[in-house]
Structure formats: C-alpha cells, structure tokens
C-alpha cells in the first residue's frame, strides 16, 4: 500500500474562496492532487488544464511533473484582467491628472 500525504488546494474569486484538504498518494503530481481535491465542483468555470499554479506563492511551471510534498498548499491562480505594468501606468496617469 502506498504512503499517503496531506495537501491543501486553494482557489479564490473576489466573492468566493475555498481551501480543500485532500489526501493523495506519495509521488502524486500537483495536477493529480488538484483533480483529486474536487475543487472544480465548487468552481465549474475553472479549467484545470490551462490554469496557473503555485506552492505557497511560488509559481510552478510544470504542474503535471511537480511532485507534491506533505503539508503544502497548492494555489490555483486566476488569469490577470490587466497587465500589471499597464495597471501601474493607469494609476500614475490618474494620480497626475488628479494633481
């Protein structure tokens, strides 16, 4: 029997947040753990294959190859609505206009 480990999967929208605890086989990939968490039932619009992921705020490039460790929190990131550089430019322009 395989050893089991516990991880958390987190996803948040502006109006709804969810953290799901899940027990997976040791050696499971990050993407496997996310799928096993069932978080997509809470957020049916979430496309797990295209989503960006991180572990404790650090981006993960290959979720299907990243092996999860006991006790980690997997974060699912929403797509950006605006490029951060453009947002800063917009704020600076507004601040200059407002005086």
N, C-alpha and C. Protein backbone atom coordinates (compact mmCIF):
# COMPACT_ATOMS: atom_id res chain seq x y z
N UNK A 1 0.84 -1.19 0.00
CA UNK A 1 0.00 0.00 0.00
C UNK A 1 0.88 1.25 0.00
N UNK A 2 0.55 2.20 -0.83
CA UNK A 2 1.33 3.42 -0.96
C UNK A 2 1.16 4.32 0.26
N UNK A 3 2.21 5.07 0.58
CA UNK A 3 2.11 6.05 1.64
C UNK A 3 1.23 7.20 1.17
N UNK A 4 0.50 7.79 2.08
CA UNK A 4 -0.41 8.88 1.75
C UNK A 4 0.12 10.17 2.38
N UNK A 5 -0.13 11.28 1.70
CA UNK A 5 0.27 12.59 2.23
C UNK A 5 -0.93 13.54 2.14
N UNK A 6 -0.92 14.56 2.98
CA UNK A 6 -1.99 15.54 3.01
C UNK A 6 -1.52 16.85 2.41
N UNK A 7 -2.34 17.41 1.52
CA UNK A 7 -2.06 18.72 0.92
C UNK A 7 -3.34 19.53 0.93
N UNK A 8 -3.20 20.84 0.70
CA UNK A 8 -4.35 21.71 0.56
C UNK A 8 -4.35 22.30 -0.85
N UNK A 9 -5.55 22.52 -1.38
CA UNK A 9 -5.72 23.16 -2.68
C UNK A 9 -6.57 24.40 -2.46
N UNK A 10 -6.07 25.56 -2.90
CA UNK A 10 -6.77 26.83 -2.67
C UNK A 10 -7.07 27.53 -3.99
N UNK A 11 -8.28 28.11 -4.04
CA UNK A 11 -8.67 28.93 -5.19
C UNK A 11 -9.58 30.02 -4.66
N UNK A 12 -9.47 31.20 -5.25
CA UNK A 12 -10.28 32.32 -4.77
C UNK A 12 -10.74 33.20 -5.92
N UNK A 13 -11.97 33.61 -5.81
CA UNK A 13 -12.54 34.65 -6.65
C UNK A 13 -12.79 35.85 -5.74
N UNK A 14 -13.07 37.01 -6.28
CA UNK A 14 -13.32 38.15 -5.41
C UNK A 14 -14.46 37.93 -4.41
N UNK A 15 -15.44 37.13 -4.79
CA UNK A 15 -16.62 36.93 -3.95
C UNK A 15 -16.69 35.55 -3.28
N UNK A 16 -15.74 34.67 -3.59
CA UNK A 16 -15.80 33.30 -3.04
C UNK A 16 -14.40 32.71 -2.99
N UNK A 17 -14.07 32.10 -1.85
CA UNK A 17 -12.77 31.45 -1.68
C UNK A 17 -13.00 30.05 -1.13
N UNK A 18 -12.07 29.16 -1.46
CA UNK A 18 -12.19 27.78 -0.98
C UNK A 18 -10.80 27.17 -0.81
N UNK A 19 -10.60 26.51 0.33
CA UNK A 19 -9.40 25.70 0.56
C UNK A 19 -9.88 24.29 0.86
N UNK A 20 -9.39 23.33 0.08
CA UNK A 20 -9.80 21.94 0.22
C UNK A 20 -8.61 21.11 0.67
N UNK A 21 -8.79 20.33 1.72
CA UNK A 21 -7.76 19.39 2.15
C UNK A 21 -7.99 18.07 1.43
N UNK A 22 -6.90 17.48 0.97
CA UNK A 22 -7.01 16.23 0.23
C UNK A 22 -5.82 15.33 0.59
N UNK A 23 -6.08 14.05 0.65
CA UNK A 23 -5.04 13.06 0.89
C UNK A 23 -4.76 12.35 -0.42
N UNK A 24 -3.48 12.35 -0.82
CA UNK A 24 -3.09 11.75 -2.10
C UNK A 24 -1.95 10.76 -1.88
N UNK A 25 -1.72 9.93 -2.88
CA UNK A 25 -0.59 9.00 -2.82
C UNK A 25 0.72 9.77 -2.85
N UNK A 26 1.67 9.33 -2.07
CA UNK A 26 3.01 9.91 -2.13
C UNK A 26 3.52 9.71 -3.55
N UNK A 27 4.09 10.75 -4.14
CA UNK A 27 4.55 10.68 -5.51
C UNK A 27 3.54 11.23 -6.51
N UNK A 28 2.39 11.68 -6.03
CA UNK A 28 1.38 12.26 -6.92
C UNK A 28 1.86 13.60 -7.45
N UNK A 29 1.44 13.93 -8.67
CA UNK A 29 1.79 15.22 -9.24
C UNK A 29 0.86 16.30 -8.69
N UNK A 30 1.28 17.54 -8.86
CA UNK A 30 0.47 18.66 -8.42
C UNK A 30 -0.88 18.64 -9.12
N UNK A 31 -0.89 18.40 -10.41
CA UNK A 31 -2.14 18.37 -11.16
C UNK A 31 -3.04 17.22 -10.70
N UNK A 32 -2.46 16.07 -10.40
CA UNK A 32 -3.25 14.95 -9.86
C UNK A 32 -3.92 15.33 -8.55
N UNK A 33 -3.17 16.00 -7.68
CA UNK A 33 -3.71 16.40 -6.37
C UNK A 33 -4.86 17.39 -6.54
N UNK A 34 -4.70 18.33 -7.46
CA UNK A 34 -5.77 19.31 -7.70
C UNK A 34 -7.02 18.61 -8.21
N UNK A 35 -6.85 17.70 -9.14
CA UNK A 35 -8.00 16.97 -9.67
C UNK A 35 -8.69 16.14 -8.59
N UNK A 36 -7.89 15.50 -7.73
CA UNK A 36 -8.46 14.68 -6.67
C UNK A 36 -9.17 15.51 -5.61
N UNK A 37 -8.82 16.78 -5.50
CA UNK A 37 -9.44 17.64 -4.48
C UNK A 37 -10.91 17.90 -4.76
N UNK A 38 -11.31 17.80 -6.03
CA UNK A 38 -12.69 18.07 -6.39
C UNK A 38 -13.05 19.56 -6.38
N UNK A 39 -12.06 20.42 -6.36
CA UNK A 39 -12.32 21.86 -6.27
C UNK A 39 -13.12 22.36 -7.47
N UNK A 40 -13.04 21.66 -8.58
CA UNK A 40 -13.76 22.09 -9.77
C UNK A 40 -15.27 21.98 -9.59
N UNK A 41 -15.75 21.18 -8.65
CA UNK A 41 -17.18 21.12 -8.40
C UNK A 41 -17.68 22.44 -7.79
N UNK A 42 -16.82 23.12 -7.02
CA UNK A 42 -17.15 24.42 -6.45
C UNK A 42 -17.03 25.54 -7.48
N UNK A 43 -16.13 25.37 -8.44
CA UNK A 43 -15.85 26.38 -9.46
C UNK A 43 -15.89 25.72 -10.84
N UNK A 44 -17.08 25.45 -11.36
CA UNK A 44 -17.18 24.71 -12.63
C UNK A 44 -16.54 25.43 -13.82
N UNK A 45 -16.38 26.74 -13.73
CA UNK A 45 -15.77 27.50 -14.82
C UNK A 45 -14.25 27.34 -14.87
N UNK A 46 -13.68 26.75 -13.85
CA UNK A 46 -12.24 26.58 -13.72
C UNK A 46 -11.73 25.50 -14.67
N UNK A 47 -10.80 25.86 -15.53
CA UNK A 47 -10.18 24.90 -16.46
C UNK A 47 -8.84 24.48 -15.86
N UNK A 48 -8.80 23.31 -15.26
CA UNK A 48 -7.60 22.86 -14.56
C UNK A 48 -6.40 22.65 -15.47
N UNK A 49 -6.65 22.30 -16.72
CA UNK A 49 -5.55 22.06 -17.66
C UNK A 49 -4.83 23.36 -18.04
N UNK A 50 -5.56 24.46 -18.10
CA UNK A 50 -4.98 25.74 -18.53
C UNK A 50 -4.60 26.66 -17.37
N UNK A 51 -5.00 26.32 -16.16
CA UNK A 51 -4.76 27.19 -15.01
C UNK A 51 -3.27 27.27 -14.68
N UNK A 52 -2.90 28.36 -14.02
CA UNK A 52 -1.54 28.55 -13.49
C UNK A 52 -1.57 28.16 -12.02
N UNK A 53 -0.47 27.56 -11.56
CA UNK A 53 -0.40 27.04 -10.20
C UNK A 53 0.83 27.57 -9.46
N UNK A 54 0.73 27.50 -8.14
CA UNK A 54 1.86 27.84 -7.30
C UNK A 54 1.81 27.04 -6.01
N UNK A 55 2.93 27.03 -5.32
CA UNK A 55 3.01 26.40 -4.00
C UNK A 55 3.51 27.47 -3.04
N UNK A 56 2.66 27.83 -2.07
CA UNK A 56 2.97 28.89 -1.12
C UNK A 56 3.48 30.15 -1.81
N UNK A 57 2.82 30.56 -2.91
CA UNK A 57 3.14 31.80 -3.59
C UNK A 57 4.25 31.73 -4.61
N UNK A 58 4.85 30.57 -4.80
CA UNK A 58 5.91 30.42 -5.80
C UNK A 58 5.35 29.65 -7.00
N UNK A 59 5.45 30.26 -8.18
CA UNK A 59 4.86 29.67 -9.38
C UNK A 59 5.48 28.31 -9.70
N UNK A 60 4.64 27.43 -10.23
CA UNK A 60 5.06 26.10 -10.67
C UNK A 60 4.89 26.05 -12.18
N UNK A 61 5.97 25.73 -12.89
CA UNK A 61 5.93 25.73 -14.36
C UNK A 61 5.28 24.49 -14.95
N UNK A 62 5.55 23.33 -14.37
CA UNK A 62 5.05 22.07 -14.92
C UNK A 62 4.24 21.31 -13.86
N UNK A 63 2.96 21.67 -13.69
CA UNK A 63 2.17 21.03 -12.64
C UNK A 63 1.99 19.52 -12.82
N UNK A 64 2.07 19.06 -14.07
CA UNK A 64 1.92 17.62 -14.29
C UNK A 64 3.19 16.85 -13.93
N UNK A 65 4.31 17.55 -13.74
CA UNK A 65 5.57 16.91 -13.38
C UNK A 65 6.01 17.21 -11.94
N UNK A 66 5.44 18.26 -11.34
CA UNK A 66 5.81 18.66 -9.97
C UNK A 66 5.22 17.67 -8.98
N UNK A 67 6.09 17.01 -8.21
CA UNK A 67 5.65 16.05 -7.20
C UNK A 67 5.33 16.81 -5.91
N UNK A 68 4.14 16.54 -5.36
CA UNK A 68 3.72 17.25 -4.16
C UNK A 68 4.36 16.64 -2.92
N UNK A 69 4.53 17.49 -1.91
CA UNK A 69 5.09 17.07 -0.63
C UNK A 69 4.04 17.26 0.45
N UNK A 70 4.18 16.50 1.52
CA UNK A 70 3.23 16.55 2.62
C UNK A 70 3.14 17.96 3.20
N UNK A 71 1.91 18.42 3.39
CA UNK A 71 1.67 19.69 4.07
C UNK A 71 1.69 20.93 3.21
N UNK A 72 1.90 20.80 1.90
CA UNK A 72 1.96 22.00 1.06
C UNK A 72 0.56 22.53 0.75
N UNK A 73 0.53 23.81 0.36
CA UNK A 73 -0.72 24.41 -0.12
C UNK A 73 -0.53 24.73 -1.60
N UNK A 74 -1.34 24.12 -2.43
CA UNK A 74 -1.33 24.37 -3.87
C UNK A 74 -2.30 25.51 -4.13
N UNK A 75 -1.83 26.52 -4.83
CA UNK A 75 -2.68 27.66 -5.14
C UNK A 75 -2.98 27.66 -6.64
N UNK A 76 -4.23 27.88 -6.98
CA UNK A 76 -4.65 27.99 -8.37
C UNK A 76 -4.85 29.47 -8.64
N UNK A 77 -4.16 29.99 -9.64
CA UNK A 77 -4.20 31.42 -9.92
C UNK A 77 -5.20 31.73 -11.01
N UNK A 78 -5.93 32.83 -10.82
CA UNK A 78 -6.85 33.33 -11.84
C UNK A 78 -6.05 34.06 -12.91
N UNK A 79 -6.58 34.12 -14.13
CA UNK A 79 -5.90 34.92 -15.14
C UNK A 79 -5.97 36.40 -14.78
N UNK A 80 -4.94 37.15 -15.14
CA UNK A 80 -4.93 38.58 -14.88
C UNK A 80 -5.93 39.28 -15.78
N UNK A 81 -6.63 40.27 -15.24
CA UNK A 81 -7.56 41.05 -16.03
C UNK A 81 -6.85 42.15 -16.81
N UNK A 82 -5.73 42.60 -16.26
CA UNK A 82 -4.95 43.66 -16.92
C UNK A 82 -3.48 43.41 -16.60
N UNK A 83 -2.63 43.73 -17.54
CA UNK A 83 -1.19 43.60 -17.34
C UNK A 83 -0.75 44.49 -16.18
N UNK A 84 0.03 44.00 -15.23
CA UNK A 84 0.45 44.81 -14.08
C UNK A 84 1.15 46.11 -14.47
N UNK A 85 1.94 46.08 -15.53
CA UNK A 85 2.62 47.31 -15.97
C UNK A 85 1.60 48.34 -16.44
N UNK A 86 0.60 47.89 -17.17
CA UNK A 86 -0.43 48.81 -17.65
C UNK A 86 -1.24 49.36 -16.48
N UNK A 87 -1.51 48.53 -15.48
CA UNK A 87 -2.24 49.00 -14.30
C UNK A 87 -1.47 50.11 -13.59
N UNK A 88 -0.15 49.94 -13.46
CA UNK A 88 0.67 50.98 -12.82
C UNK A 88 0.65 52.26 -13.64
N UNK A 89 0.75 52.13 -14.96
CA UNK A 89 0.69 53.31 -15.83
C UNK A 89 -0.66 54.02 -15.68
N UNK A 90 -1.73 53.26 -15.62
CA UNK A 90 -3.05 53.85 -15.45
C UNK A 90 -3.17 54.60 -14.13
N UNK A 91 -2.66 54.01 -13.04
CA UNK A 91 -2.69 54.66 -11.73
C UNK A 91 -1.86 55.92 -11.73
N UNK A 92 -0.69 55.87 -12.35
CA UNK A 92 0.19 57.05 -12.40
C UNK A 92 -0.47 58.17 -13.21
N UNK A 93 -1.10 57.82 -14.33
CA UNK A 93 -1.78 58.82 -15.15
C UNK A 93 -2.94 59.45 -14.39
N UNK A 94 -3.69 58.62 -13.66
CA UNK A 94 -4.81 59.14 -12.87
C UNK A 94 -4.31 60.05 -11.76
N UNK A 95 -3.24 59.65 -11.07
CA UNK A 95 -2.67 60.46 -9.99
C UNK A 95 -2.19 61.80 -10.53
N UNK A 96 -1.57 61.79 -11.69
CA UNK A 96 -1.07 63.03 -12.29
C UNK A 96 -2.24 63.93 -12.68
N UNK A 97 -3.28 63.33 -13.21
CA UNK A 97 -4.46 64.09 -13.63
C UNK A 97 -5.17 64.70 -12.41
N UNK A 98 -5.25 63.92 -11.32
CA UNK A 98 -5.92 64.38 -10.11
C UNK A 98 -5.10 65.39 -9.34
N UNK A 99 -3.83 65.51 -9.69
CA UNK A 99 -3.00 66.54 -9.09
C UNK A 99 -2.22 66.03 -7.96
